[in-house]
PDB file of N, CA and C in Angstrom:
ATOM      1  N   UNK A   1      33.876  30.456   2.329  1.00  0.00           N
ATOM      2  CA  UNK A   1      32.515  29.952   2.267  1.00  0.00           C
ATOM      3  C   UNK A   1      32.200  29.594   0.816  1.00  0.00           C
ATOM      4  N   UNK A   2      31.569  28.445   0.637  1.00  0.00           N
ATOM      5  CA  UNK A   2      31.232  27.968  -0.696  1.00  0.00           C
ATOM      6  C   UNK A   2      29.722  27.890  -0.845  1.00  0.00           C
ATOM      7  N   UNK A   3      29.224  28.354  -1.939  1.00  0.00           N
ATOM      8  CA  UNK A   3      27.797  28.279  -2.237  1.00  0.00           C
ATOM      9  C   UNK A   3      27.579  27.111  -3.183  1.00  0.00           C
ATOM     10  N   UNK A   4      26.753  26.149  -2.756  1.00  0.00           N
ATOM     11  CA  UNK A   4      26.461  25.005  -3.624  1.00  0.00           C
ATOM     12  C   UNK A   4      25.196  25.275  -4.413  1.00  0.00           C
ATOM     13  N   UNK A   5      25.241  24.942  -5.668  1.00  0.00           N
ATOM     14  CA  UNK A   5      24.059  25.042  -6.525  1.00  0.00           C
ATOM     15  C   UNK A   5      23.353  23.697  -6.463  1.00  0.00           C
ATOM     16  N   UNK A   6      22.053  23.690  -6.076  1.00  0.00           N
ATOM     17  CA  UNK A   6      21.334  22.417  -5.953  1.00  0.00           C
ATOM     18  C   UNK A   6      21.440  21.579  -7.222  1.00  0.00           C
ATOM     19  N   UNK A   7      21.715  20.302  -7.037  1.00  0.00           N
ATOM     20  CA  UNK A   7      21.788  19.376  -8.156  1.00  0.00           C
ATOM     21  C   UNK A   7      23.173  19.191  -8.718  1.00  0.00           C
ATOM     22  N   UNK A   8      24.127  20.048  -8.327  1.00  0.00           N
ATOM     23  CA  UNK A   8      25.465  19.911  -8.883  1.00  0.00           C
ATOM     24  C   UNK A   8      26.363  19.051  -8.001  1.00  0.00           C
ATOM     25  N   UNK A   9      26.389  19.307  -6.706  1.00  0.00           N
ATOM     26  CA  UNK A   9      27.270  18.545  -5.829  1.00  0.00           C
ATOM     27  C   UNK A   9      26.522  17.857  -4.703  1.00  0.00           C
ATOM     28  N   UNK A  10      25.379  18.327  -4.362  1.00  0.00           N
ATOM     29  CA  UNK A  10      24.586  17.770  -3.276  1.00  0.00           C
ATOM     30  C   UNK A  10      23.198  17.469  -3.797  1.00  0.00           C
ATOM     31  N   UNK A  11      22.315  17.109  -2.904  1.00  0.00           N
ATOM     32  CA  UNK A  11      20.952  16.825  -3.360  1.00  0.00           C
ATOM     33  C   UNK A  11      20.301  18.064  -3.946  1.00  0.00           C
ATOM     34  N   UNK A  12      19.703  17.905  -5.102  1.00  0.00           N
ATOM     35  CA  UNK A  12      19.018  19.011  -5.758  1.00  0.00           C
ATOM     36  C   UNK A  12      17.551  19.027  -5.410  1.00  0.00           C
ATOM     37  N   UNK A  13      16.842  19.974  -5.963  1.00  0.00           N
ATOM     38  CA  UNK A  13      15.418  20.118  -5.687  1.00  0.00           C
ATOM     39  C   UNK A  13      14.650  18.872  -6.106  1.00  0.00           C
ATOM     40  N   UNK A  14      14.986  18.311  -7.270  1.00  0.00           N
ATOM     41  CA  UNK A  14      14.296  17.093  -7.713  1.00  0.00           C
ATOM     42  C   UNK A  14      14.567  15.933  -6.764  1.00  0.00           C
ATOM     43  N   UNK A  15      15.808  15.817  -6.290  1.00  0.00           N
ATOM     44  CA  UNK A  15      16.144  14.744  -5.356  1.00  0.00           C
ATOM     45  C   UNK A  15      15.349  14.876  -4.064  1.00  0.00           C
ATOM     46  N   UNK A  16      15.254  16.086  -3.552  1.00  0.00           N
ATOM     47  CA  UNK A  16      14.514  16.316  -2.314  1.00  0.00           C
ATOM     48  C   UNK A  16      13.029  16.053  -2.510  1.00  0.00           C
ATOM     49  N   UNK A  17      12.488  16.397  -3.666  1.00  0.00           N
ATOM     50  CA  UNK A  17      11.070  16.123  -3.948  1.00  0.00           C
ATOM     51  C   UNK A  17      10.814  14.623  -3.976  1.00  0.00           C
ATOM     52  N   UNK A  18      11.727  13.861  -4.567  1.00  0.00           N
ATOM     53  CA  UNK A  18      11.575  12.405  -4.623  1.00  0.00           C
ATOM     54  C   UNK A  18      11.642  11.798  -3.230  1.00  0.00           C
ATOM     55  N   UNK A  19      12.552  12.278  -2.409  1.00  0.00           N
ATOM     56  CA  UNK A  19      12.664  11.774  -1.039  1.00  0.00           C
ATOM     57  C   UNK A  19      11.408  12.096  -0.251  1.00  0.00           C
ATOM     58  N   UNK A  20      10.898  13.298  -0.415  1.00  0.00           N
ATOM     59  CA  UNK A  20       9.666  13.695   0.271  1.00  0.00           C
ATOM     60  C   UNK A  20       8.504  12.804  -0.159  1.00  0.00           C
ATOM     61  N   UNK A  21       8.413  12.521  -1.449  1.00  0.00           N
ATOM     62  CA  UNK A  21       7.327  11.681  -1.947  1.00  0.00           C
ATOM     63  C   UNK A  21       7.421  10.269  -1.390  1.00  0.00           C
ATOM     64  N   UNK A  22       8.621   9.724  -1.313  1.00  0.00           N
ATOM     65  CA  UNK A  22       8.795   8.374  -0.782  1.00  0.00           C
ATOM     66  C   UNK A  22       8.386   8.277   0.684  1.00  0.00           C
ATOM     67  N   UNK A  23       8.437   9.368   1.410  1.00  0.00           N
ATOM     68  CA  UNK A  23       8.024   9.356   2.803  1.00  0.00           C
ATOM     69  C   UNK A  23       6.532   9.075   2.943  1.00  0.00           C
ATOM     70  N   UNK A  24       5.773   9.301   1.882  1.00  0.00           N
ATOM     71  CA  UNK A  24       4.345   9.023   1.912  1.00  0.00           C
ATOM     72  C   UNK A  24       3.992   7.585   1.577  1.00  0.00           C
ATOM     73  N   UNK A  25       4.992   6.764   1.228  1.00  0.00           N
ATOM     74  CA  UNK A  25       4.739   5.363   0.894  1.00  0.00           C
ATOM     75  C   UNK A  25       4.497   4.562   2.168  1.00  0.00           C
ATOM     76  N   UNK A  26       3.419   3.796   2.190  1.00  0.00           N
ATOM     77  CA  UNK A  26       3.062   2.989   3.363  1.00  0.00           C
ATOM     78  C   UNK A  26       2.858   1.546   2.925  1.00  0.00           C
ATOM     79  N   UNK A  27       3.107   0.621   3.838  1.00  0.00           N
ATOM     80  CA  UNK A  27       2.883  -0.800   3.570  1.00  0.00           C
ATOM     81  C   UNK A  27       2.322  -1.433   4.830  1.00  0.00           C
ATOM     82  N   UNK A  28       1.355  -2.323   4.643  1.00  0.00           N
ATOM     83  CA  UNK A  28       0.731  -2.972   5.786  1.00  0.00           C
ATOM     84  C   UNK A  28       0.329  -4.392   5.398  1.00  0.00           C
ATOM     85  N   UNK A  29       0.534  -5.324   6.293  1.00  0.00           N
ATOM     86  CA  UNK A  29       0.090  -6.708   6.126  1.00  0.00           C
ATOM     87  C   UNK A  29      -1.123  -6.906   7.020  1.00  0.00           C
ATOM     88  N   UNK A  30      -2.241  -7.341   6.419  1.00  0.00           N
ATOM     89  CA  UNK A  30      -3.496  -7.442   7.165  1.00  0.00           C
ATOM     90  C   UNK A  30      -4.158  -8.799   6.919  1.00  0.00           C
ATOM     91  N   UNK A  31      -5.136  -9.115   7.749  1.00  0.00           N
ATOM     92  CA  UNK A  31      -5.899 -10.354   7.621  1.00  0.00           C
ATOM     93  C   UNK A  31      -6.977 -10.163   6.561  1.00  0.00           C
ATOM     94  N   UNK A  32      -7.141 -11.155   5.688  1.00  0.00           N
ATOM     95  CA  UNK A  32      -8.123 -11.083   4.621  1.00  0.00           C
ATOM     96  C   UNK A  32      -9.554 -11.175   5.102  1.00  0.00           C
ATOM     97  N   UNK A  33     -10.490 -11.134   4.156  1.00  0.00           N
ATOM     98  CA  UNK A  33     -11.929 -11.181   4.449  1.00  0.00           C
ATOM     99  C   UNK A  33     -12.652 -11.818   3.266  1.00  0.00           C
ATOM    100  N   UNK A  34     -13.958 -11.882   3.360  1.00  0.00           N
ATOM    101  CA  UNK A  34     -14.757 -12.434   2.275  1.00  0.00           C
ATOM    102  C   UNK A  34     -14.755 -11.534   1.050  1.00  0.00           C
ATOM    103  N   UNK A  35     -15.335 -12.025  -0.056  1.00  0.00           N
ATOM    104  CA  UNK A  35     -15.374 -11.230  -1.285  1.00  0.00           C
ATOM    105  C   UNK A  35     -16.098  -9.902  -1.076  1.00  0.00           C
ATOM    106  N   UNK A  36     -15.484  -8.810  -1.489  1.00  0.00           N
ATOM    107  CA  UNK A  36     -16.064  -7.467  -1.411  1.00  0.00           C
ATOM    108  C   UNK A  36     -16.460  -7.064   0.008  1.00  0.00           C
ATOM    109  N   UNK A  37     -15.746  -7.587   0.996  1.00  0.00           N
ATOM    110  CA  UNK A  37     -15.982  -7.243   2.404  1.00  0.00           C
ATOM    111  C   UNK A  37     -14.819  -6.367   2.865  1.00  0.00           C
ATOM    112  N   UNK A  38     -15.116  -5.405   3.745  1.00  0.00           N
ATOM    113  CA  UNK A  38     -14.074  -4.509   4.243  1.00  0.00           C
ATOM    114  C   UNK A  38     -12.925  -5.272   4.894  1.00  0.00           C
ATOM    115  N   UNK A  39     -11.708  -4.848   4.555  1.00  0.00           N
ATOM    116  CA  UNK A  39     -10.479  -5.345   5.169  1.00  0.00           C
ATOM    117  C   UNK A  39      -9.843  -4.141   5.856  1.00  0.00           C
ATOM    118  N   UNK A  40      -9.669  -4.226   7.173  1.00  0.00           N
ATOM    119  CA  UNK A  40      -9.131  -3.096   7.935  1.00  0.00           C
ATOM    120  C   UNK A  40      -7.659  -2.871   7.616  1.00  0.00           C
ATOM    121  N   UNK A  41      -7.335  -1.636   7.210  1.00  0.00           N
ATOM    122  CA  UNK A  41      -5.963  -1.224   6.933  1.00  0.00           C
ATOM    123  C   UNK A  41      -5.725   0.077   7.694  1.00  0.00           C
ATOM    124  N   UNK A  42      -5.008  -0.016   8.783  1.00  0.00           N
ATOM    125  CA  UNK A  42      -4.767   1.148   9.633  1.00  0.00           C
ATOM    126  C   UNK A  42      -4.026   2.249   8.875  1.00  0.00           C
ATOM    127  N   UNK A  43      -4.590   3.455   8.904  1.00  0.00           N
ATOM    128  CA  UNK A  43      -3.932   4.617   8.326  1.00  0.00           C
ATOM    129  C   UNK A  43      -4.303   4.959   6.897  1.00  0.00           C
ATOM    130  N   UNK A  44      -5.025   4.079   6.200  1.00  0.00           N
ATOM    131  CA  UNK A  44      -5.392   4.392   4.814  1.00  0.00           C
ATOM    132  C   UNK A  44      -6.649   5.270   4.796  1.00  0.00           C
ATOM    133  N   UNK A  45      -6.675   6.234   3.888  1.00  0.00           N
ATOM    134  CA  UNK A  45      -7.813   7.153   3.759  1.00  0.00           C
ATOM    135  C   UNK A  45      -8.286   7.195   2.319  1.00  0.00           C
ATOM    136  N   UNK A  46      -9.514   7.649   2.113  1.00  0.00           N
ATOM    137  CA  UNK A  46     -10.121   7.639   0.785  1.00  0.00           C
ATOM    138  C   UNK A  46      -9.374   8.499  -0.223  1.00  0.00           C
ATOM    139  N   UNK A  47      -8.589   9.487   0.229  1.00  0.00           N
ATOM    140  CA  UNK A  47      -7.836  10.323  -0.712  1.00  0.00           C
ATOM    141  C   UNK A  47      -6.510   9.686  -1.134  1.00  0.00           C
ATOM    142  N   UNK A  48      -6.109   8.607  -0.457  1.00  0.00           N
ATOM    143  CA  UNK A  48      -4.835   7.945  -0.749  1.00  0.00           C
ATOM    144  C   UNK A  48      -4.924   7.144  -2.048  1.00  0.00           C
ATOM    145  N   UNK A  49      -3.785   6.656  -2.522  1.00  0.00           N
ATOM    146  CA  UNK A  49      -3.722   5.880  -3.758  1.00  0.00           C
ATOM    147  C   UNK A  49      -3.100   4.520  -3.471  1.00  0.00           C
ATOM    148  N   UNK A  50      -3.817   3.451  -3.821  1.00  0.00           N
ATOM    149  CA  UNK A  50      -3.267   2.106  -3.682  1.00  0.00           C
ATOM    150  C   UNK A  50      -2.258   1.878  -4.799  1.00  0.00           C
ATOM    151  N   UNK A  51      -1.047   1.534  -4.426  1.00  0.00           N
ATOM    152  CA  UNK A  51       0.021   1.260  -5.386  1.00  0.00           C
ATOM    153  C   UNK A  51       0.004  -0.226  -5.758  1.00  0.00           C
ATOM    154  N   UNK A  52      -0.203  -1.093  -4.758  1.00  0.00           N
ATOM    155  CA  UNK A  52      -0.209  -2.539  -4.992  1.00  0.00           C
ATOM    156  C   UNK A  52      -0.960  -3.244  -3.876  1.00  0.00           C
ATOM    157  N   UNK A  53      -1.550  -4.380  -4.222  1.00  0.00           N
ATOM    158  CA  UNK A  53      -2.196  -5.248  -3.237  1.00  0.00           C
ATOM    159  C   UNK A  53      -1.877  -6.692  -3.625  1.00  0.00           C
ATOM    160  N   UNK A  54      -1.377  -7.444  -2.649  1.00  0.00           N
ATOM    161  CA  UNK A  54      -0.982  -8.829  -2.885  1.00  0.00           C
ATOM    162  C   UNK A  54      -1.681  -9.745  -1.891  1.00  0.00           C
ATOM    163  N   UNK A  55      -2.145 -10.879  -2.386  1.00  0.00           N
ATOM    164  CA  UNK A  55      -2.791 -11.889  -1.554  1.00  0.00           C
ATOM    165  C   UNK A  55      -1.837 -13.061  -1.384  1.00  0.00           C
ATOM    166  N   UNK A  56      -1.624 -13.456  -0.138  1.00  0.00           N
ATOM    167  CA  UNK A  56      -0.860 -14.669   0.150  1.00  0.00           C
ATOM    168  C   UNK A  56      -1.871 -15.748   0.479  1.00  0.00           C
ATOM    169  N   UNK A  57      -2.174 -16.570  -0.515  1.00  0.00           N
ATOM    170  CA  UNK A  57      -3.212 -17.590  -0.432  1.00  0.00           C
ATOM    171  C   UNK A  57      -2.560 -18.929  -0.109  1.00  0.00           C
ATOM    172  N   UNK A  58      -2.953 -19.542   1.018  1.00  0.00           N
ATOM    173  CA  UNK A  58      -2.370 -20.834   1.382  1.00  0.00           C
ATOM    174  C   UNK A  58      -3.447 -21.907   1.428  1.00  0.00           C
ATOM    175  N   UNK A  59      -3.055 -23.124   1.135  1.00  0.00           N
ATOM    176  CA  UNK A  59      -4.017 -24.224   1.204  1.00  0.00           C
ATOM    177  C   UNK A  59      -4.229 -24.618   2.663  1.00  0.00           C
ATOM    178  N   UNK A  60      -5.129 -25.565   2.898  1.00  0.00           N
ATOM    179  CA  UNK A  60      -5.512 -25.947   4.256  1.00  0.00           C
ATOM    180  C   UNK A  60      -4.339 -26.458   5.092  1.00  0.00           C
ATOM    181  N   UNK A  61      -3.344 -27.034   4.472  1.00  0.00           N
ATOM    182  CA  UNK A  61      -2.209 -27.563   5.231  1.00  0.00           C
ATOM    183  C   UNK A  61      -1.071 -26.556   5.318  1.00  0.00           C
ATOM    184  N   UNK A  62      -1.222 -25.427   4.681  1.00  0.00           N
ATOM    185  CA  UNK A  62      -0.195 -24.377   4.596  1.00  0.00           C
ATOM    186  C   UNK A  62       1.045 -24.883   3.878  1.00  0.00           C
ATOM    187  N   UNK A  63       0.895 -25.998   3.157  1.00  0.00           N
ATOM    188  CA  UNK A  63       2.020 -26.541   2.417  1.00  0.00           C
ATOM    189  C   UNK A  63       2.252 -25.851   1.086  1.00  0.00           C
ATOM    190  N   UNK A  64       1.226 -25.199   0.572  1.00  0.00           N
ATOM    191  CA  UNK A  64       1.328 -24.504  -0.708  1.00  0.00           C
ATOM    192  C   UNK A  64       0.854 -23.071  -0.517  1.00  0.00           C
ATOM    193  N   UNK A  65       1.692 -22.132  -0.849  1.00  0.00           N
ATOM    194  CA  UNK A  65       1.331 -20.720  -0.710  1.00  0.00           C
ATOM    195  C   UNK A  65       1.429 -20.060  -2.080  1.00  0.00           C
ATOM    196  N   UNK A  66       0.316 -19.481  -2.522  1.00  0.00           N
ATOM    197  CA  UNK A  66       0.285 -18.740  -3.773  1.00  0.00           C
ATOM    198  C   UNK A  66       0.389 -17.251  -3.460  1.00  0.00           C
ATOM    199  N   UNK A  67       1.144 -16.558  -4.274  1.00  0.00           N
ATOM    200  CA  UNK A  67       1.318 -15.113  -4.169  1.00  0.00           C
ATOM    201  C   UNK A  67       0.566 -14.528  -5.355  1.00  0.00           C
ATOM    202  N   UNK A  68      -0.547 -13.831  -5.084  1.00  0.00           N
ATOM    203  CA  UNK A  68      -1.425 -13.360  -6.151  1.00  0.00           C
ATOM    204  C   UNK A  68      -1.519 -11.836  -6.110  1.00  0.00           C
ATOM    205  N   UNK A  69      -1.201 -11.200  -7.218  1.00  0.00           N
ATOM    206  CA  UNK A  69      -1.297  -9.751  -7.338  1.00  0.00           C
ATOM    207  C   UNK A  69      -2.773  -9.396  -7.548  1.00  0.00           C
ATOM    208  N   UNK A  70      -3.326  -8.546  -6.676  1.00  0.00           N
ATOM    209  CA  UNK A  70      -4.754  -8.199  -6.722  1.00  0.00           C
ATOM    210  C   UNK A  70      -4.990  -6.687  -6.848  1.00  0.00           C
ATOM    211  N   UNK A  71      -4.005  -5.956  -7.322  1.00  0.00           N
ATOM    212  CA  UNK A  71      -4.113  -4.495  -7.374  1.00  0.00           C
ATOM    213  C   UNK A  71      -5.315  -4.032  -8.199  1.00  0.00           C
ATOM    214  N   UNK A  72      -5.612  -4.707  -9.281  1.00  0.00           N
ATOM    215  CA  UNK A  72      -6.682  -4.258 -10.177  1.00  0.00           C
ATOM    216  C   UNK A  72      -8.066  -4.314  -9.528  1.00  0.00           C
ATOM    217  N   UNK A  73      -8.238  -5.093  -8.472  1.00  0.00           N
ATOM    218  CA  UNK A  73      -9.547  -5.193  -7.812  1.00  0.00           C
ATOM    219  C   UNK A  73      -9.566  -4.523  -6.440  1.00  0.00           C
ATOM    220  N   UNK A  74      -8.450  -3.898  -6.066  1.00  0.00           N
ATOM    221  CA  UNK A  74      -8.354  -3.251  -4.748  1.00  0.00           C
ATOM    222  C   UNK A  74      -8.926  -1.840  -4.808  1.00  0.00           C
ATOM    223  N   UNK A  75      -9.797  -1.530  -3.863  1.00  0.00           N
ATOM    224  CA  UNK A  75     -10.378  -0.187  -3.754  1.00  0.00           C
ATOM    225  C   UNK A  75     -10.375   0.239  -2.290  1.00  0.00           C
ATOM    226  N   UNK A  76     -10.254   1.545  -2.064  1.00  0.00           N
ATOM    227  CA  UNK A  76     -10.390   2.074  -0.711  1.00  0.00           C
ATOM    228  C   UNK A  76     -11.876   2.292  -0.483  1.00  0.00           C
ATOM    229  N   UNK A  77     -12.464   1.487   0.399  1.00  0.00           N
ATOM    230  CA  UNK A  77     -13.902   1.526   0.625  1.00  0.00           C
ATOM    231  C   UNK A  77     -14.309   2.680   1.540  1.00  0.00           C
ATOM    232  N   UNK A  78     -13.467   2.959   2.525  1.00  0.00           N
ATOM    233  CA  UNK A  78     -13.720   4.034   3.487  1.00  0.00           C
ATOM    234  C   UNK A  78     -12.436   4.248   4.279  1.00  0.00           C
ATOM    235  N   UNK A  79     -12.409   5.268   5.105  1.00  0.00           N
ATOM    236  CA  UNK A  79     -11.215   5.515   5.921  1.00  0.00           C
ATOM    237  C   UNK A  79     -10.923   4.273   6.766  1.00  0.00           C
ATOM    238  N   UNK A  80      -9.733   3.703   6.591  1.00  0.00           N
ATOM    239  CA  UNK A  80      -9.327   2.537   7.364  1.00  0.00           C
ATOM    240  C   UNK A  80      -9.734   1.200   6.774  1.00  0.00           C
ATOM    241  N   UNK A  81     -10.327   1.193   5.574  1.00  0.00           N
ATOM    242  CA  UNK A  81     -10.799  -0.058   4.976  1.00  0.00           C
ATOM    243  C   UNK A  81     -10.560  -0.113   3.467  1.00  0.00           C
ATOM    244  N   UNK A  82     -10.127  -1.287   3.011  1.00  0.00           N
ATOM    245  CA  UNK A  82     -10.084  -1.554   1.572  1.00  0.00           C
ATOM    246  C   UNK A  82     -10.995  -2.733   1.296  1.00  0.00           C
ATOM    247  N   UNK A  83     -11.277  -2.968   0.031  1.00  0.00           N
ATOM    248  CA  UNK A  83     -11.977  -4.171  -0.417  1.00  0.00           C
ATOM    249  C   UNK A  83     -11.271  -4.703  -1.650  1.00  0.00           C
ATOM    250  N   UNK A  84     -11.274  -6.007  -1.799  1.00  0.00           N
ATOM    251  CA  UNK A  84     -10.830  -6.636  -3.040  1.00  0.00           C
ATOM    252  C   UNK A  84     -12.103  -7.111  -3.727  1.00  0.00           C
ATOM    253  N   UNK A  85     -12.564  -6.348  -4.693  1.00  0.00           N
ATOM    254  CA  UNK A  85     -13.852  -6.571  -5.336  1.00  0.00           C
ATOM    255  C   UNK A  85     -13.955  -7.979  -5.911  1.00  0.00           C
ATOM    256  N   UNK A  86     -14.900  -8.757  -5.359  1.00  0.00           N
ATOM    257  CA  UNK A  86     -15.170 -10.100  -5.856  1.00  0.00           C
ATOM    258  C   UNK A  86     -14.155 -11.163  -5.464  1.00  0.00           C
ATOM    259  N   UNK A  87     -13.153 -10.821  -4.657  1.00  0.00           N
ATOM    260  CA  UNK A  87     -12.092 -11.767  -4.301  1.00  0.00           C
ATOM    261  C   UNK A  87     -12.187 -12.116  -2.822  1.00  0.00           C
ATOM    262  N   UNK A  88     -12.288 -13.398  -2.505  1.00  0.00           N
ATOM    263  CA  UNK A  88     -12.296 -13.853  -1.124  1.00  0.00           C
ATOM    264  C   UNK A  88     -10.877 -14.103  -0.626  1.00  0.00           C
ATOM    265  N   UNK A  89     -10.575 -13.578   0.544  1.00  0.00           N
ATOM    266  CA  UNK A  89      -9.235 -13.743   1.108  1.00  0.00           C
ATOM    267  C   UNK A  89      -9.296 -14.256   2.554  1.00  0.00           C
ATOM    268  N   UNK A  90     -10.403 -14.888   2.930  1.00  0.00           N
ATOM    269  CA  UNK A  90     -10.550 -15.412   4.291  1.00  0.00           C
ATOM    270  C   UNK A  90      -9.425 -16.410   4.563  1.00  0.00           C
ATOM    271  N   UNK A  91      -8.752 -16.255   5.689  1.00  0.00           N
ATOM    272  CA  UNK A  91      -7.658 -17.133   6.058  1.00  0.00           C
ATOM    273  C   UNK A  91      -6.331 -16.785   5.410  1.00  0.00           C
ATOM    274  N   UNK A  92      -6.317 -15.755   4.589  1.00  0.00           N
ATOM    275  CA  UNK A  92      -5.104 -15.340   3.890  1.00  0.00           C
ATOM    276  C   UNK A  92      -4.589 -14.029   4.475  1.00  0.00           C
ATOM    277  N   UNK A  93      -3.387 -13.687   4.094  1.00  0.00           N
ATOM    278  CA  UNK A  93      -2.831 -12.367   4.397  1.00  0.00           C
ATOM    279  C   UNK A  93      -2.906 -11.526   3.127  1.00  0.00           C
ATOM    280  N   UNK A  94      -3.129 -10.240   3.311  1.00  0.00           N
ATOM    281  CA  UNK A  94      -3.140  -9.293   2.209  1.00  0.00           C
ATOM    282  C   UNK A  94      -2.104  -8.216   2.541  1.00  0.00           C
ATOM    283  N   UNK A  95      -1.212  -7.954   1.610  1.00  0.00           N
ATOM    284  CA  UNK A  95      -0.216  -6.898   1.775  1.00  0.00           C
ATOM    285  C   UNK A  95      -0.631  -5.738   0.879  1.00  0.00           C
ATOM    286  N   UNK A  96      -0.762  -4.576   1.484  1.00  0.00           N
ATOM    287  CA  UNK A  96      -1.207  -3.379   0.768  1.00  0.00           C
ATOM    288  C   UNK A  96      -0.091  -2.337   0.797  1.00  0.00           C
ATOM    289  N   UNK A  97       0.209  -1.780  -0.370  1.00  0.00           N
ATOM    290  CA  UNK A  97       1.165  -0.686  -0.492  1.00  0.00           C
ATOM    291  C   UNK A  97       0.382   0.507  -1.025  1.00  0.00           C
ATOM    292  N   UNK A  98       0.480   1.634  -0.319  1.00  0.00           N
ATOM    293  CA  UNK A  98      -0.259   2.796  -0.778  1.00  0.00           C
ATOM    294  C   UNK A  98       0.546   4.070  -0.553  1.00  0.00           C
ATOM    295  N   UNK A  99       0.123   5.116  -1.277  1.00  0.00           N
ATOM    296  CA  UNK A  99       0.719   6.428  -1.116  1.00  0.00           C
ATOM    297  C   UNK A  99      -0.203   7.261  -0.261  1.00  0.00           C
ATOM    298  N   UNK A 100       0.281   7.675   0.900  1.00  0.00           N
ATOM    299  CA  UNK A 100      -0.470   8.492   1.843  1.00  0.00           C
ATOM    300  C   UNK A 100      -0.354   9.947   1.389  1.00  0.00           C
ATOM    301  N   UNK A 101      -1.432  10.468   0.821  1.00  0.00           N
ATOM    302  CA  UNK A 101      -1.405  11.828   0.270  1.00  0.00           C
ATOM    303  C   UNK A 101      -1.416  12.908   1.342  1.00  0.00           C
ATOM    304  N   UNK A 102      -1.747  12.541   2.569  1.00  0.00           N
ATOM    305  CA  UNK A 102      -1.721  13.503   3.671  1.00  0.00           C
ATOM    306  C   UNK A 102      -1.082  12.833   4.881  1.00  0.00           C
ATOM    307  N   UNK A 103       0.259  12.705   4.893  1.00  0.00           N
ATOM    308  CA  UNK A 103       0.915  11.978   5.980  1.00  0.00           C
ATOM    309  C   UNK A 103       0.758  12.629   7.356  1.00  0.00           C
ATOM    310  N   UNK A 104       0.271  13.848   7.394  1.00  0.00           N
ATOM    311  CA  UNK A 104       0.080  14.518   8.685  1.00  0.00           C
ATOM    312  C   UNK A 104      -1.281  14.240   9.309  1.00  0.00           C
ATOM    313  N   UNK A 105      -2.148  13.483   8.595  1.00  0.00           N
ATOM    314  CA  UNK A 105      -3.491  13.227   9.152  1.00  0.00           C
ATOM    315  C   UNK A 105      -3.472  12.166  10.207  1.00  0.00           C
TER     316      UNK A 105
END
């Protein structure tokens, strides 16, 4: 029988902590809304942390698509809703990446 010391030959405590933390990472693609209007994001809660928010802005013909990073204006407005303060995203898709601080909720 061999006793392994964590971190020497197999996953160590730090490795397991990192894997556990990554399990709380969530991503969702949702339909946009008007400026500072609630955008429904299933599973997000006010205690969570937004890691990134991206707007896929397309012109009327869908021939031109802009990819705009909007993390600095993204806020969790309430359970299940975010807002992009002052940014209109009607007709666009918004991709939200967040850390779920309570994945058991």
